[in-house]
PDB file of N, CA and C in Angstrom:
ATOM      1  N   MET A   1       3.544   1.185  -2.087  1.00  0.00           N
ATOM      2  CA  MET A   1       2.555   1.506  -3.088  1.00  0.00           C
ATOM      3  C   MET A   1       1.495   2.435  -2.514  1.00  0.00           C
ATOM      4  N   ALA A   2       0.999   3.280  -3.346  1.00  0.00           N
ATOM      5  CA  ALA A   2      -0.033   4.205  -2.906  1.00  0.00           C
ATOM      6  C   ALA A   2      -1.339   3.458  -2.696  1.00  0.00           C
ATOM      7  N   THR A   3      -2.014   3.784  -1.622  1.00  0.00           N
ATOM      8  CA  THR A   3      -3.322   3.202  -1.383  1.00  0.00           C
ATOM      9  C   THR A   3      -4.369   4.255  -1.670  1.00  0.00           C
ATOM     10  N   LEU A   4      -5.604   3.808  -1.855  1.00  0.00           N
ATOM     11  CA  LEU A   4      -6.686   4.746  -2.120  1.00  0.00           C
ATOM     12  C   LEU A   4      -6.823   5.737  -0.980  1.00  0.00           C
ATOM     13  N   LEU A   5      -6.625   5.290   0.252  1.00  0.00           N
ATOM     14  CA  LEU A   5      -6.708   6.187   1.401  1.00  0.00           C
ATOM     15  C   LEU A   5      -5.632   7.264   1.311  1.00  0.00           C
ATOM     16  N   ASN A   6      -4.404   6.880   0.956  1.00  0.00           N
ATOM     17  CA  ASN A   6      -3.331   7.868   0.804  1.00  0.00           C
ATOM     18  C   ASN A   6      -3.665   8.851  -0.308  1.00  0.00           C
ATOM     19  N   ILE A   7      -4.247   8.349  -1.380  1.00  0.00           N
ATOM     20  CA  ILE A   7      -4.622   9.204  -2.497  1.00  0.00           C
ATOM     21  C   ILE A   7      -5.717  10.166  -2.052  1.00  0.00           C
ATOM     22  N   CYS A   8      -6.675   9.670  -1.266  1.00  0.00           N
ATOM     23  CA  CYS A   8      -7.750  10.524  -0.762  1.00  0.00           C
ATOM     24  C   CYS A   8      -7.188  11.643   0.105  1.00  0.00           C
ATOM     25  N   VAL A   9      -6.247  11.306   0.977  1.00  0.00           N
ATOM     26  CA  VAL A   9      -5.630  12.313   1.835  1.00  0.00           C
ATOM     27  C   VAL A   9      -4.902  13.334   0.972  1.00  0.00           C
ATOM     28  N   LEU A  10      -4.205  12.879  -0.050  1.00  0.00           N
ATOM     29  CA  LEU A  10      -3.507  13.781  -0.959  1.00  0.00           C
ATOM     30  C   LEU A  10      -4.494  14.744  -1.600  1.00  0.00           C
ATOM     31  N   PHE A  11      -5.643  14.226  -2.053  1.00  0.00           N
ATOM     32  CA  PHE A  11      -6.642  15.081  -2.678  1.00  0.00           C
ATOM     33  C   PHE A  11      -7.174  16.121  -1.710  1.00  0.00           C
ATOM     34  N   ILE A  12      -7.365  15.725  -0.463  1.00  0.00           N
ATOM     35  CA  ILE A  12      -7.877  16.666   0.529  1.00  0.00           C
ATOM     36  C   ILE A  12      -6.850  17.778   0.765  1.00  0.00           C
ATOM     37  N   VAL A  13      -5.579  17.405   0.860  1.00  0.00           N
ATOM     38  CA  VAL A  13      -4.521  18.403   1.039  1.00  0.00           C
ATOM     39  C   VAL A  13      -4.458  19.324  -0.166  1.00  0.00           C
ATOM     40  N   VAL A  14      -4.517  18.757  -1.362  1.00  0.00           N
ATOM     41  CA  VAL A  14      -4.485  19.568  -2.581  1.00  0.00           C
ATOM     42  C   VAL A  14      -5.682  20.504  -2.610  1.00  0.00           C
ATOM     43  N   SER A  15      -6.855  19.984  -2.274  1.00  0.00           N
ATOM     44  CA  SER A  15      -8.071  20.787  -2.273  1.00  0.00           C
ATOM     45  C   SER A  15      -7.955  21.945  -1.288  1.00  0.00           C
ATOM     46  N   PHE A  16      -7.417  21.689  -0.091  1.00  0.00           N
ATOM     47  CA  PHE A  16      -7.229  22.740   0.907  1.00  0.00           C
ATOM     48  C   PHE A  16      -6.262  23.792   0.386  1.00  0.00           C
ATOM     49  N   HIS A  17      -5.177  23.338  -0.225  1.00  0.00           N
ATOM     50  CA  HIS A  17      -4.178  24.255  -0.762  1.00  0.00           C
ATOM     51  C   HIS A  17      -4.795  25.150  -1.836  1.00  0.00           C
ATOM     52  N   ILE A  18      -5.589  24.552  -2.700  1.00  0.00           N
ATOM     53  CA  ILE A  18      -6.225  25.305  -3.777  1.00  0.00           C
ATOM     54  C   ILE A  18      -7.182  26.338  -3.197  1.00  0.00           C
ATOM     55  N   SER A  19      -8.001  25.936  -2.230  1.00  0.00           N
ATOM     56  CA  SER A  19      -8.985  26.868  -1.674  1.00  0.00           C
ATOM     57  C   SER A  19      -8.320  27.978  -0.876  1.00  0.00           C
ATOM     58  N   SER A  20      -7.147  27.742  -0.304  1.00  0.00           N
ATOM     59  CA  SER A  20      -6.472  28.783   0.466  1.00  0.00           C
ATOM     60  C   SER A  20      -5.779  29.806  -0.431  1.00  0.00           C
ATOM     61  N   ALA A  21      -5.590  29.467  -1.688  1.00  0.00           N
ATOM     62  CA  ALA A  21      -4.982  30.398  -2.636  1.00  0.00           C
ATOM     63  C   ALA A  21      -6.078  31.020  -3.494  1.00  0.00           C
ATOM     64  N   SER A  22      -7.076  31.578  -2.845  1.00  0.00           N
ATOM     65  CA  SER A  22      -8.273  32.046  -3.535  1.00  0.00           C
ATOM     66  C   SER A  22      -8.028  33.226  -4.470  1.00  0.00           C
ATOM     67  N   ASN A  23      -6.927  33.944  -4.314  1.00  0.00           N
ATOM     68  CA  ASN A  23      -6.672  35.078  -5.186  1.00  0.00           C
ATOM     69  C   ASN A  23      -6.136  34.645  -6.551  1.00  0.00           C
ATOM     70  N   LEU A  24      -5.851  33.371  -6.712  1.00  0.00           N
ATOM     71  CA  LEU A  24      -5.369  32.850  -7.986  1.00  0.00           C
ATOM     72  C   LEU A  24      -6.484  32.069  -8.669  1.00  0.00           C
ATOM     73  N   ALA A  25      -6.601  32.227  -9.948  1.00  0.00           N
ATOM     74  CA  ALA A  25      -7.578  31.430 -10.688  1.00  0.00           C
ATOM     75  C   ALA A  25      -7.058  30.002 -10.754  1.00  0.00           C
ATOM     76  N   PRO A  26      -7.912  29.031 -10.413  1.00  0.00           N
ATOM     77  CA  PRO A  26      -7.438  27.643 -10.438  1.00  0.00           C
ATOM     78  C   PRO A  26      -7.150  27.174 -11.864  1.00  0.00           C
ATOM     79  N   SER A  27      -6.086  26.416 -11.988  1.00  0.00           N
ATOM     80  CA  SER A  27      -5.736  25.852 -13.290  1.00  0.00           C
ATOM     81  C   SER A  27      -6.667  24.685 -13.589  1.00  0.00           C
ATOM     82  N   PRO A  28      -6.768  24.262 -14.833  1.00  0.00           N
ATOM     83  CA  PRO A  28      -7.603  23.086 -15.141  1.00  0.00           C
ATOM     84  C   PRO A  28      -7.181  21.850 -14.335  1.00  0.00           C
ATOM     85  N   LEU A  29      -5.876  21.673 -14.124  1.00  0.00           N
ATOM     86  CA  LEU A  29      -5.404  20.536 -13.334  1.00  0.00           C
ATOM     87  C   LEU A  29      -5.885  20.650 -11.897  1.00  0.00           C
ATOM     88  N   ALA A  30      -5.794  21.833 -11.325  1.00  0.00           N
ATOM     89  CA  ALA A  30      -6.265  22.043  -9.951  1.00  0.00           C
ATOM     90  C   ALA A  30      -7.758  21.783  -9.850  1.00  0.00           C
ATOM     91  N   MET A  31      -8.507  22.201 -10.837  1.00  0.00           N
ATOM     92  CA  MET A  31      -9.952  21.968 -10.835  1.00  0.00           C
ATOM     93  C   MET A  31     -10.251  20.472 -10.917  1.00  0.00           C
ATOM     94  N   TYR A  32      -9.483  19.747 -11.722  1.00  0.00           N
ATOM     95  CA  TYR A  32      -9.672  18.298 -11.844  1.00  0.00           C
ATOM     96  C   TYR A  32      -9.316  17.610 -10.533  1.00  0.00           C
ATOM     97  N   GLU A  33      -8.238  18.052  -9.890  1.00  0.00           N
ATOM     98  CA  GLU A  33      -7.851  17.477  -8.604  1.00  0.00           C
ATOM     99  C   GLU A  33      -8.918  17.750  -7.549  1.00  0.00           C
ATOM    100  N   THR A  34      -9.516  18.925  -7.578  1.00  0.00           N
ATOM    101  CA  THR A  34     -10.603  19.245  -6.649  1.00  0.00           C
ATOM    102  C   THR A  34     -11.796  18.329  -6.914  1.00  0.00           C
ATOM    103  N   TYR A  35     -12.122  18.143  -8.163  1.00  0.00           N
ATOM    104  CA  TYR A  35     -13.208  17.239  -8.548  1.00  0.00           C
ATOM    105  C   TYR A  35     -12.933  15.820  -8.036  1.00  0.00           C
ATOM    106  N   LEU A  36     -11.718  15.308  -8.258  1.00  0.00           N
ATOM    107  CA  LEU A  36     -11.370  13.966  -7.789  1.00  0.00           C
ATOM    108  C   LEU A  36     -11.407  13.884  -6.270  1.00  0.00           C
ATOM    109  N   SER A  37     -11.004  14.954  -5.608  1.00  0.00           N
ATOM    110  CA  SER A  37     -11.056  14.990  -4.152  1.00  0.00           C
ATOM    111  C   SER A  37     -12.500  14.857  -3.673  1.00  0.00           C
ATOM    112  N   ARG A  38     -13.389  15.568  -4.312  1.00  0.00           N
ATOM    113  CA  ARG A  38     -14.810  15.470  -3.949  1.00  0.00           C
ATOM    114  C   ARG A  38     -15.341  14.070  -4.213  1.00  0.00           C
ATOM    115  N   CYS A  39     -14.924  13.474  -5.293  1.00  0.00           N
ATOM    116  CA  CYS A  39     -15.338  12.096  -5.597  1.00  0.00           C
ATOM    117  C   CYS A  39     -14.847  11.142  -4.514  1.00  0.00           C
ATOM    118  N   SER A  40     -13.578  11.274  -4.151  1.00  0.00           N
ATOM    119  CA  SER A  40     -13.005  10.346  -3.175  1.00  0.00           C
ATOM    120  C   SER A  40     -13.657  10.491  -1.806  1.00  0.00           C
ATOM    121  N   GLN A  41     -14.128  11.687  -1.476  1.00  0.00           N
ATOM    122  CA  GLN A  41     -14.786  11.904  -0.195  1.00  0.00           C
ATOM    123  C   GLN A  41     -16.144  11.203  -0.128  1.00  0.00           C
ATOM    124  N   LYS A  42     -16.699  10.849  -1.271  1.00  0.00           N
ATOM    125  CA  LYS A  42     -17.986  10.147  -1.308  1.00  0.00           C
ATOM    126  C   LYS A  42     -17.848   8.664  -0.969  1.00  0.00           C
ATOM    127  N   VAL A  43     -16.644   8.126  -1.101  1.00  0.00           N
ATOM    128  CA  VAL A  43     -16.421   6.709  -0.795  1.00  0.00           C
ATOM    129  C   VAL A  43     -16.439   6.545   0.724  1.00  0.00           C
ATOM    130  N   ALA A  44     -17.324   5.694   1.219  1.00  0.00           N
ATOM    131  CA  ALA A  44     -17.421   5.470   2.662  1.00  0.00           C
ATOM    132  C   ALA A  44     -16.070   5.023   3.208  1.00  0.00           C
ATOM    133  N   GLN A  45     -15.716   5.548   4.352  1.00  0.00           N
ATOM    134  CA  GLN A  45     -14.428   5.252   4.985  1.00  0.00           C
ATOM    135  C   GLN A  45     -14.159   3.751   5.061  1.00  0.00           C
ATOM    136  N   ASP A  46     -15.160   2.987   5.487  1.00  0.00           N
ATOM    137  CA  ASP A  46     -14.956   1.545   5.663  1.00  0.00           C
ATOM    138  C   ASP A  46     -14.986   0.773   4.343  1.00  0.00           C
ATOM    139  N   CYS A  47     -15.213   1.440   3.230  1.00  0.00           N
ATOM    140  CA  CYS A  47     -15.236   0.774   1.921  1.00  0.00           C
ATOM    141  C   CYS A  47     -13.987   1.060   1.090  1.00  0.00           C
ATOM    142  N   ARG A  48     -13.198   2.010   1.501  1.00  0.00           N
ATOM    143  CA  ARG A  48     -12.051   2.444   0.694  1.00  0.00           C
ATOM    144  C   ARG A  48     -11.059   1.319   0.424  1.00  0.00           C
ATOM    145  N   ASP A  49     -10.619   0.634   1.468  1.00  0.00           N
ATOM    146  CA  ASP A  49      -9.641  -0.441   1.277  1.00  0.00           C
ATOM    147  C   ASP A  49     -10.229  -1.592   0.473  1.00  0.00           C
ATOM    148  N   GLU A  50     -11.489  -1.895   0.735  1.00  0.00           N
ATOM    149  CA  GLU A  50     -12.162  -2.991   0.038  1.00  0.00           C
ATOM    150  C   GLU A  50     -12.232  -2.725  -1.471  1.00  0.00           C
ATOM    151  N   ILE A  51     -12.664  -1.547  -1.841  1.00  0.00           N
ATOM    152  CA  ILE A  51     -12.768  -1.193  -3.263  1.00  0.00           C
ATOM    153  C   ILE A  51     -11.376  -1.111  -3.883  1.00  0.00           C
ATOM    154  N   HIS A  52     -10.448  -0.505  -3.178  1.00  0.00           N
ATOM    155  CA  HIS A  52      -9.071  -0.381  -3.674  1.00  0.00           C
ATOM    156  C   HIS A  52      -8.462  -1.765  -3.932  1.00  0.00           C
ATOM    157  N   SER A  53      -8.590  -2.672  -2.966  1.00  0.00           N
ATOM    158  CA  SER A  53      -8.029  -4.019  -3.124  1.00  0.00           C
ATOM    159  C   SER A  53      -8.683  -4.763  -4.280  1.00  0.00           C
ATOM    160  N   SER A  54      -9.972  -4.563  -4.451  1.00  0.00           N
ATOM    161  CA  SER A  54     -10.693  -5.226  -5.540  1.00  0.00           C
ATOM    162  C   SER A  54     -10.227  -4.726  -6.902  1.00  0.00           C
ATOM    163  N   VAL A  55     -10.048  -3.426  -7.007  1.00  0.00           N
ATOM    164  CA  VAL A  55      -9.689  -2.829  -8.299  1.00  0.00           C
ATOM    165  C   VAL A  55      -8.201  -2.992  -8.593  1.00  0.00           C
ATOM    166  N   VAL A  56      -7.364  -2.656  -7.648  1.00  0.00           N
ATOM    167  CA  VAL A  56      -5.929  -2.634  -7.912  1.00  0.00           C
ATOM    168  C   VAL A  56      -5.312  -4.032  -7.910  1.00  0.00           C
ATOM    169  N   TYR A  57      -5.705  -4.863  -6.954  1.00  0.00           N
ATOM    170  CA  TYR A  57      -5.068  -6.170  -6.808  1.00  0.00           C
ATOM    171  C   TYR A  57      -5.956  -7.344  -7.209  1.00  0.00           C
ATOM    172  N   GLY A  58      -7.249  -7.135  -7.273  1.00  0.00           N
ATOM    173  CA  GLY A  58      -8.168  -8.214  -7.635  1.00  0.00           C
ATOM    174  C   GLY A  58      -8.258  -9.296  -6.583  1.00  0.00           C
ATOM    175  N   ASN A  59      -7.963  -8.956  -5.326  1.00  0.00           N
ATOM    176  CA  ASN A  59      -7.914  -9.974  -4.282  1.00  0.00           C
ATOM    177  C   ASN A  59      -9.038  -9.857  -3.263  1.00  0.00           C
ATOM    178  N   GLN A  60     -10.075  -9.120  -3.592  1.00  0.00           N
ATOM    179  CA  GLN A  60     -11.193  -8.967  -2.667  1.00  0.00           C
ATOM    180  C   GLN A  60     -12.469  -8.745  -3.459  1.00  0.00           C
ATOM    181  N   THR A  61     -13.581  -9.165  -2.879  1.00  0.00           N
ATOM    182  CA  THR A  61     -14.892  -8.927  -3.467  1.00  0.00           C
ATOM    183  C   THR A  61     -15.530  -7.771  -2.714  1.00  0.00           C
ATOM    184  N   VAL A  62     -16.165  -6.888  -3.427  1.00  0.00           N
ATOM    185  CA  VAL A  62     -16.812  -5.744  -2.806  1.00  0.00           C
ATOM    186  C   VAL A  62     -18.148  -6.199  -2.218  1.00  0.00           C
ATOM    187  N   THR A  63     -18.363  -5.868  -0.952  1.00  0.00           N
ATOM    188  CA  THR A  63     -19.592  -6.271  -0.273  1.00  0.00           C
ATOM    189  C   THR A  63     -20.791  -5.503  -0.811  1.00  0.00           C
ATOM    190  N   VAL A  64     -21.975  -6.020  -0.525  1.00  0.00           N
ATOM    191  CA  VAL A  64     -23.209  -5.367  -0.956  1.00  0.00           C
ATOM    192  C   VAL A  64     -23.282  -3.945  -0.402  1.00  0.00           C
ATOM    193  N   LYS A  65     -22.888  -3.780   0.849  1.00  0.00           N
ATOM    194  CA  LYS A  65     -22.907  -2.454   1.480  1.00  0.00           C
ATOM    195  C   LYS A  65     -22.024  -1.468   0.712  1.00  0.00           C
ATOM    196  N   CYS A  66     -20.815  -1.895   0.387  1.00  0.00           N
ATOM    197  CA  CYS A  66     -19.891  -1.006  -0.323  1.00  0.00           C
ATOM    198  C   CYS A  66     -20.314  -0.818  -1.779  1.00  0.00           C
ATOM    199  N   CYS A  67     -20.919  -1.829  -2.367  1.00  0.00           N
ATOM    200  CA  CYS A  67     -21.464  -1.673  -3.720  1.00  0.00           C
ATOM    201  C   CYS A  67     -22.548  -0.606  -3.726  1.00  0.00           C
ATOM    202  N   SER A  68     -23.388  -0.638  -2.719  1.00  0.00           N
ATOM    203  CA  SER A  68     -24.463   0.349  -2.614  1.00  0.00           C
ATOM    204  C   SER A  68     -23.879   1.747  -2.512  1.00  0.00           C
ATOM    205  N   ASN A  69     -22.840   1.918  -1.695  1.00  0.00           N
ATOM    206  CA  ASN A  69     -22.174   3.211  -1.578  1.00  0.00           C
ATOM    207  C   ASN A  69     -21.588   3.631  -2.918  1.00  0.00           C
ATOM    208  N   LEU A  70     -20.940   2.706  -3.592  1.00  0.00           N
ATOM    209  CA  LEU A  70     -20.301   2.996  -4.865  1.00  0.00           C
ATOM    210  C   LEU A  70     -21.314   3.440  -5.913  1.00  0.00           C
ATOM    211  N   VAL A  71     -22.384   2.680  -6.060  1.00  0.00           N
ATOM    212  CA  VAL A  71     -23.366   2.955  -7.113  1.00  0.00           C
ATOM    213  C   VAL A  71     -24.257   4.150  -6.763  1.00  0.00           C
ATOM    214  N   ASN A  72     -24.731   4.203  -5.518  1.00  0.00           N
ATOM    215  CA  ASN A  72     -25.735   5.197  -5.153  1.00  0.00           C
ATOM    216  C   ASN A  72     -25.184   6.513  -4.627  1.00  0.00           C
ATOM    217  N   VAL A  73     -23.951   6.526  -4.163  1.00  0.00           N
ATOM    218  CA  VAL A  73     -23.375   7.754  -3.605  1.00  0.00           C
ATOM    219  C   VAL A  73     -22.232   8.273  -4.486  1.00  0.00           C
ATOM    220  N   VAL A  74     -21.285   7.405  -4.788  1.00  0.00           N
ATOM    221  CA  VAL A  74     -20.135   7.834  -5.589  1.00  0.00           C
ATOM    222  C   VAL A  74     -20.552   8.083  -7.033  1.00  0.00           C
ATOM    223  N   GLY A  75     -21.221   7.131  -7.629  1.00  0.00           N
ATOM    224  CA  GLY A  75     -21.668   7.276  -9.013  1.00  0.00           C
ATOM    225  C   GLY A  75     -20.629   6.821 -10.012  1.00  0.00           C
ATOM    226  N   LYS A  76     -21.118   6.481 -11.187  1.00  0.00           N
ATOM    227  CA  LYS A  76     -20.257   5.906 -12.223  1.00  0.00           C
ATOM    228  C   LYS A  76     -19.173   6.867 -12.701  1.00  0.00           C
ATOM    229  N   GLN A  77     -19.539   8.112 -12.964  1.00  0.00           N
ATOM    230  CA  GLN A  77     -18.550   9.052 -13.513  1.00  0.00           C
ATOM    231  C   GLN A  77     -17.403   9.292 -12.538  1.00  0.00           C
ATOM    232  N   CYS A  78     -17.726   9.551 -11.274  1.00  0.00           N
ATOM    233  CA  CYS A  78     -16.671   9.759 -10.277  1.00  0.00           C
ATOM    234  C   CYS A  78     -15.808   8.504 -10.135  1.00  0.00           C
ATOM    235  N   TYR A  79     -16.461   7.352 -10.052  1.00  0.00           N
ATOM    236  CA  TYR A  79     -15.736   6.086  -9.899  1.00  0.00           C
ATOM    237  C   TYR A  79     -14.805   5.853 -11.086  1.00  0.00           C
ATOM    238  N   ASP A  80     -15.324   6.028 -12.297  1.00  0.00           N
ATOM    239  CA  ASP A  80     -14.492   5.823 -13.491  1.00  0.00           C
ATOM    240  C   ASP A  80     -13.306   6.786 -13.508  1.00  0.00           C
ATOM    241  N   ASP A  81     -13.548   8.038 -13.174  1.00  0.00           N
ATOM    242  CA  ASP A  81     -12.468   9.025 -13.199  1.00  0.00           C
ATOM    243  C   ASP A  81     -11.413   8.740 -12.137  1.00  0.00           C
ATOM    244  N   MET A  82     -11.857   8.334 -10.939  1.00  0.00           N
ATOM    245  CA  MET A  82     -10.875   7.963  -9.903  1.00  0.00           C
ATOM    246  C   MET A  82     -10.081   6.736 -10.331  1.00  0.00           C
ATOM    247  N   SER A  83     -10.752   5.747 -10.914  1.00  0.00           N
ATOM    248  CA  SER A  83     -10.065   4.531 -11.360  1.00  0.00           C
ATOM    249  C   SER A  83      -9.030   4.845 -12.428  1.00  0.00           C
ATOM    250  N   LYS A  84      -9.395   5.701 -13.370  1.00  0.00           N
ATOM    251  CA  LYS A  84      -8.463   6.087 -14.430  1.00  0.00           C
ATOM    252  C   LYS A  84      -7.245   6.800 -13.845  1.00  0.00           C
ATOM    253  N   TYR A  85      -7.491   7.674 -12.872  1.00  0.00           N
ATOM    254  CA  TYR A  85      -6.385   8.389 -12.238  1.00  0.00           C
ATOM    255  C   TYR A  85      -5.457   7.422 -11.502  1.00  0.00           C
ATOM    256  N   VAL A  86      -6.039   6.553 -10.698  1.00  0.00           N
ATOM    257  CA  VAL A  86      -5.235   5.592  -9.930  1.00  0.00           C
ATOM    258  C   VAL A  86      -4.416   4.718 -10.882  1.00  0.00           C
ATOM    259  N   ALA A  87      -5.007   4.314 -11.990  1.00  0.00           N
ATOM    260  CA  ALA A  87      -4.318   3.444 -12.943  1.00  0.00           C
ATOM    261  C   ALA A  87      -3.136   4.132 -13.624  1.00  0.00           C
ATOM    262  N   THR A  88      -3.083   5.452 -13.565  1.00  0.00           N
ATOM    263  CA  THR A  88      -1.957   6.167 -14.194  1.00  0.00           C
ATOM    264  C   THR A  88      -0.843   6.504 -13.208  1.00  0.00           C
ATOM    265  N   LEU A  89      -1.021   6.168 -11.928  1.00  0.00           N
ATOM    266  CA  LEU A  89       0.041   6.422 -10.951  1.00  0.00           C
ATOM    267  C   LEU A  89       1.279   5.609 -11.334  1.00  0.00           C
ATOM    268  N   PRO A  90       2.460   6.173 -11.149  1.00  0.00           N
ATOM    269  CA  PRO A  90       3.684   5.505 -11.598  1.00  0.00           C
ATOM    270  C   PRO A  90       3.823   4.048 -11.134  1.00  0.00           C
ATOM    271  N   ASP A  91       3.508   3.752  -9.892  1.00  0.00           N
ATOM    272  CA  ASP A  91       3.643   2.384  -9.384  1.00  0.00           C
ATOM    273  C   ASP A  91       2.648   1.419 -10.027  1.00  0.00           C
ATOM    274  N   LEU A  92       1.531   1.937 -10.501  1.00  0.00           N
ATOM    275  CA  LEU A  92       0.460   1.082 -11.009  1.00  0.00           C
ATOM    276  C   LEU A  92       0.337   1.091 -12.530  1.00  0.00           C
ATOM    277  N   LYS A  93       0.970   2.040 -13.181  1.00  0.00           N
ATOM    278  CA  LYS A  93       0.840   2.188 -14.629  1.00  0.00           C
ATOM    279  C   LYS A  93       1.172   0.916 -15.418  1.00  0.00           C
ATOM    280  N   PRO A  94       2.173   0.120 -14.996  1.00  0.00           N
ATOM    281  CA  PRO A  94       2.439  -1.115 -15.752  1.00  0.00           C
ATOM    282  C   PRO A  94       1.248  -2.081 -15.776  1.00  0.00           C
ATOM    283  N   LYS A  95       0.347  -1.970 -14.816  1.00  0.00           N
ATOM    284  CA  LYS A  95      -0.828  -2.843 -14.764  1.00  0.00           C
ATOM    285  C   LYS A  95      -2.111  -2.077 -15.076  1.00  0.00           C
ATOM    286  N   GLN A  96      -1.975  -0.993 -15.792  1.00  0.00           N
ATOM    287  CA  GLN A  96      -3.096  -0.106 -16.077  1.00  0.00           C
ATOM    288  C   GLN A  96      -4.275  -0.833 -16.724  1.00  0.00           C
ATOM    289  N   ASP A  97      -4.024  -1.634 -17.734  1.00  0.00           N
ATOM    290  CA  ASP A  97      -5.114  -2.334 -18.420  1.00  0.00           C
ATOM    291  C   ASP A  97      -5.849  -3.288 -17.478  1.00  0.00           C
ATOM    292  N   GLU A  98      -5.091  -4.013 -16.659  1.00  0.00           N
ATOM    293  CA  GLU A  98      -5.705  -4.940 -15.696  1.00  0.00           C
ATOM    294  C   GLU A  98      -6.550  -4.181 -14.680  1.00  0.00           C
ATOM    295  N   ILE A  99      -6.031  -3.076 -14.192  1.00  0.00           N
ATOM    296  CA  ILE A  99      -6.740  -2.275 -13.195  1.00  0.00           C
ATOM    297  C   ILE A  99      -8.037  -1.728 -13.773  1.00  0.00           C
ATOM    298  N   LEU A 100      -7.971  -1.206 -14.979  1.00  0.00           N
ATOM    299  CA  LEU A 100      -9.177  -0.656 -15.602  1.00  0.00           C
ATOM    300  C   LEU A 100     -10.205  -1.753 -15.888  1.00  0.00           C
ATOM    301  N   GLN A 101      -9.750  -2.943 -16.248  1.00  0.00           N
ATOM    302  CA  GLN A 101     -10.684  -4.053 -16.468  1.00  0.00           C
ATOM    303  C   GLN A 101     -11.338  -4.470 -15.149  1.00  0.00           C
ATOM    304  N   ARG A 102     -10.541  -4.578 -14.092  1.00  0.00           N
ATOM    305  CA  ARG A 102     -11.113  -4.922 -12.783  1.00  0.00           C
ATOM    306  C   ARG A 102     -12.078  -3.843 -12.319  1.00  0.00           C
ATOM    307  N   SER A 103     -11.754  -2.590 -12.601  1.00  0.00           N
ATOM    308  CA  SER A 103     -12.643  -1.484 -12.244  1.00  0.00           C
ATOM    309  C   SER A 103     -13.995  -1.650 -12.933  1.00  0.00           C
ATOM    310  N   ARG A 104     -13.979  -1.975 -14.209  1.00  0.00           N
ATOM    311  CA  ARG A 104     -15.239  -2.219 -14.942  1.00  0.00           C
ATOM    312  C   ARG A 104     -15.987  -3.405 -14.348  1.00  0.00           C
ATOM    313  N   ASN A 105     -15.244  -4.453 -14.017  1.00  0.00           N
ATOM    314  CA  ASN A 105     -15.872  -5.653 -13.434  1.00  0.00           C
ATOM    315  C   ASN A 105     -16.527  -5.325 -12.094  1.00  0.00           C
ATOM    316  N   VAL A 106     -15.835  -4.560 -11.264  1.00  0.00           N
ATOM    317  CA  VAL A 106     -16.390  -4.186  -9.962  1.00  0.00           C
ATOM    318  C   VAL A 106     -17.677  -3.379 -10.161  1.00  0.00           C
ATOM    319  N   TRP A 107     -17.619  -2.389 -11.045  1.00  0.00           N
ATOM    320  CA  TRP A 107     -18.816  -1.568 -11.285  1.00  0.00           C
ATOM    321  C   TRP A 107     -19.980  -2.439 -11.776  1.00  0.00           C
ATOM    322  N   ASN A 108     -19.706  -3.289 -12.755  1.00  0.00           N
ATOM    323  CA  ASN A 108     -20.776  -4.109 -13.309  1.00  0.00           C
ATOM    324  C   ASN A 108     -21.370  -5.050 -12.258  1.00  0.00           C
ATOM    325  N   ALA A 109     -20.528  -5.633 -11.421  1.00  0.00           N
ATOM    326  CA  ALA A 109     -21.025  -6.506 -10.350  1.00  0.00           C
ATOM    327  C   ALA A 109     -21.842  -5.701  -9.349  1.00  0.00           C
ATOM    328  N   CYS A 110     -21.376  -4.528  -8.997  1.00  0.00           N
ATOM    329  CA  CYS A 110     -22.090  -3.708  -8.020  1.00  0.00           C
ATOM    330  C   CYS A 110     -23.408  -3.170  -8.594  1.00  0.00           C
ATOM    331  N   ALA A 111     -23.413  -2.849  -9.832  1.00  0.00           N
ATOM    332  CA  ALA A 111     -24.619  -2.281 -10.455  1.00  0.00           C
ATOM    333  C   ALA A 111     -25.756  -3.295 -10.534  1.00  0.00           C
ATOM    334  N   THR A 112     -25.439  -4.583 -10.427  1.00  0.00           N
ATOM    335  CA  THR A 112     -26.481  -5.615 -10.488  1.00  0.00           C
ATOM    336  C   THR A 112     -27.088  -5.908  -9.138  1.00  0.00           C
ATOM    337  N   HIS A 113     -26.549  -5.369  -8.064  1.00  0.00           N
ATOM    338  CA  HIS A 113     -27.103  -5.617  -6.703  1.00  0.00           C
ATOM    339  C   HIS A 113     -28.339  -4.815  -6.471  1.00  0.00           C
TER     340      HIS A 113
END
């Protein structure tokens, strides 16, 4: 299964590829992937697995430190967009509704800290 870290690496590779092809106008999809890559880079390295496990599997609680990173650095829009993207990945799509609900729960819990 894809992990958030693997997805982040994918975004960085995609972003590099897009920037190296500067003579081509970026497609809307490429621009969205660049945006998601920038969002994923805001997630603190030591919080990635914690947030991913909380959202995708529901088997971990996000610490105050990682909540602070999520709310104050990543922001709601980036977090929501990354969660929506992850929930549409082929391996995770069957649990899309559960993932999106856990994503909302994580945000709401973190926003109260």
